[in-house]
Amino acid sequence: MDYDTFVDHVARRTSTSPQRAAELTRATLATLAERLTGGEVLDLAVQLPEPLRPPLRPTPDTEAAERFGAAEFVARVAVRAGIGEPAARSVAGAVFRTLREAVIGGEFDELVVRLPRDYRDLVEPALAPGAALRRG
């Protein structure tokens, strides 16, 4: 999926302009990058268009995944995007759904199963029909 298509999908799902959708996407991806290990972030980044990769570039400070739940994820997206938490929850879901469409080869499902159970409401609508989550 190319950049414009990705942003257009997020814009449609969030009822925002493409410019605002790009900002919301960057806020969500930057938060996701904090939650994943550097290797997981790189695996995701290589499958996305170049303009979406900057928030996913690991640094020495972000090599290890931070451990935080879905509520903290939503709160961080809200702060980054300058929106309320209910809107941030909707935005995160829209970005996850678009990621699911953009990422090939089961990489999205592999990423999702590494997240704690409380992320279910954010990511399950993004899973392919019939996909089962394996969480410990």
Protein backbone atom coordinates (compact mmCIF):
# COMPACT_ATOMS: atom_id res chain seq x y z
CA MET A 1 0.00 0.00 0.00
CA ASP A 2 1.42 3.40 -0.89
CA TYR A 3 1.53 6.39 1.44
CA ASP A 4 -1.42 8.30 -0.03
CA THR A 5 -3.65 5.22 0.10
CA PHE A 6 -2.66 4.52 3.71
CA VAL A 7 -3.39 8.10 4.78
CA ASP A 8 -6.65 8.17 2.81
CA HIS A 9 -7.84 5.02 4.59
CA VAL A 10 -7.05 6.54 7.99
CA ALA A 11 -8.69 9.82 6.96
CA ARG A 12 -11.88 8.03 5.95
CA ARG A 13 -11.93 5.95 9.13
CA THR A 14 -11.37 8.98 11.37
CA SER A 15 -13.44 11.46 9.35
CA THR A 16 -10.49 13.85 9.12
CA SER A 17 -8.47 15.49 6.38
CA PRO A 18 -5.54 13.58 4.87
CA GLN A 19 -3.13 16.03 6.55
CA ARG A 20 -4.68 15.41 9.99
CA ALA A 21 -4.83 11.66 9.31
CA ALA A 22 -1.09 11.69 8.62
CA GLU A 23 -0.50 13.41 11.98
CA LEU A 24 -2.74 10.92 13.77
CA THR A 25 -0.97 8.02 12.08
CA ARG A 26 2.45 9.32 13.13
CA ALA A 27 1.25 9.72 16.73
CA THR A 28 -0.05 6.14 16.78
CA LEU A 29 3.04 4.66 15.11
CA ALA A 30 5.39 6.52 17.48
CA THR A 31 3.47 5.09 20.43
CA LEU A 32 3.51 1.61 18.92
CA ALA A 33 7.28 1.93 18.44
CA GLU A 34 7.66 2.53 22.19
CA ARG A 35 5.71 -0.66 22.92
CA LEU A 36 7.74 -2.92 20.58
CA THR A 37 11.36 -4.02 20.57
CA GLY A 38 13.69 -2.46 18.04
CA GLY A 39 13.61 -5.59 15.89
CA GLU A 40 9.82 -5.72 15.89
CA VAL A 41 9.68 -2.07 14.93
CA LEU A 42 12.08 -2.62 12.03
CA ASP A 43 10.07 -5.63 10.81
CA LEU A 44 7.00 -3.42 10.66
CA ALA A 45 8.75 -0.36 9.20
CA VAL A 46 10.15 -2.17 6.17
CA GLN A 47 6.61 -3.03 5.09
CA LEU A 48 5.33 0.54 5.22
CA PRO A 49 5.84 3.43 2.80
CA GLU A 50 8.92 5.55 3.50
CA PRO A 51 7.00 8.61 4.81
CA LEU A 52 5.54 6.42 7.60
CA ARG A 53 8.89 5.02 8.73
CA PRO A 54 10.40 7.91 10.75
CA PRO A 55 8.31 7.30 13.90
CA LEU A 56 9.30 3.63 13.66
CA ARG A 57 13.06 4.15 13.54
CA PRO A 58 14.51 2.67 16.73
CA THR A 59 17.10 4.56 18.70
CA PRO A 60 19.37 3.26 21.46
CA ASP A 61 16.74 4.54 23.92
CA THR A 62 13.95 2.58 22.22
CA GLU A 63 15.67 -0.74 21.55
CA ALA A 64 13.83 -2.42 24.44
CA ALA A 65 10.06 -2.49 24.48
CA GLU A 66 8.35 -0.47 27.18
CA ARG A 67 5.71 -2.42 29.06
CA PHE A 68 2.44 -0.55 29.15
CA GLY A 69 -1.17 -1.50 28.65
CA ALA A 70 -3.81 -0.35 26.22
CA ALA A 71 -5.02 2.49 28.45
CA GLU A 72 -1.50 3.96 28.54
CA PHE A 73 -1.18 3.40 24.78
CA VAL A 74 -4.35 5.42 24.19
CA ALA A 75 -3.23 8.12 26.65
CA ARG A 76 0.10 8.51 24.83
CA VAL A 77 -1.60 8.73 21.43
CA ALA A 78 -3.96 11.35 22.88
CA VAL A 79 -1.08 13.50 24.14
CA ARG A 80 0.89 13.18 20.90
CA ALA A 81 -2.13 13.95 18.73
CA GLY A 82 -3.59 16.65 20.96
CA ILE A 83 -6.96 14.90 21.27
CA GLY A 84 -9.06 13.35 24.02
CA GLU A 85 -8.69 9.72 24.98
CA PRO A 86 -12.00 8.55 23.44
CA ALA A 87 -10.90 10.03 20.10
CA ALA A 88 -7.42 8.55 20.53
CA ARG A 89 -8.93 5.09 21.03
CA SER A 90 -10.83 5.48 17.76
CA VAL A 91 -7.74 6.78 15.97
CA ALA A 92 -5.59 3.90 17.21
CA GLY A 93 -8.20 1.42 15.99
CA ALA A 94 -8.31 3.10 12.57
CA VAL A 95 -4.53 2.99 12.26
CA PHE A 96 -4.41 -0.67 13.34
CA ARG A 97 -7.06 -1.56 10.75
CA THR A 98 -5.07 0.23 8.06
CA LEU A 99 -1.84 -1.43 9.18
CA ARG A 100 -3.55 -4.80 8.85
CA GLU A 101 -4.37 -3.99 5.23
CA ALA A 102 -0.89 -2.63 4.47
CA VAL A 103 1.27 -5.33 6.06
CA ILE A 104 1.63 -8.62 4.22
CA GLY A 105 2.70 -12.12 5.17
CA GLY A 106 1.16 -12.37 8.61
CA GLU A 107 3.54 -9.81 10.11
CA PHE A 108 0.64 -7.85 11.59
CA ASP A 109 -0.77 -10.93 13.31
CA GLU A 110 2.69 -11.74 14.71
CA LEU A 111 2.95 -8.22 16.05
CA VAL A 112 -0.52 -8.34 17.62
CA VAL A 113 0.03 -11.59 19.50
CA ARG A 114 2.94 -9.94 21.33
CA LEU A 115 0.63 -7.33 22.84
CA PRO A 116 -1.15 -7.91 26.16
CA ARG A 117 -4.76 -9.04 26.26
CA ASP A 118 -6.04 -5.57 27.16
CA TYR A 119 -5.15 -4.39 23.63
CA ARG A 120 -7.89 -6.64 22.24
CA ASP A 121 -10.45 -3.84 21.74
CA LEU A 122 -7.90 -1.78 19.82
CA VAL A 123 -6.58 -4.47 17.51
CA GLU A 124 -9.12 -7.24 17.10
CA PRO A 125 -11.31 -5.30 14.67
CA ALA A 126 -8.16 -5.09 12.53
CA LEU A 127 -7.60 -8.83 12.38
CA ALA A 128 -8.57 -10.82 9.36
CA PRO A 129 -11.87 -12.71 9.63
CA GLY A 130 -11.37 -15.91 11.56
CA ALA A 131 -7.95 -14.90 12.89
CA ALA A 132 -7.35 -16.13 16.41
CA LEU A 133 -5.12 -14.39 18.89
CA ARG A 134 -2.67 -16.46 20.84
CA ARG A 135 -1.84 -14.60 24.03
CA GLY A 136 -0.16 -15.75 27.15
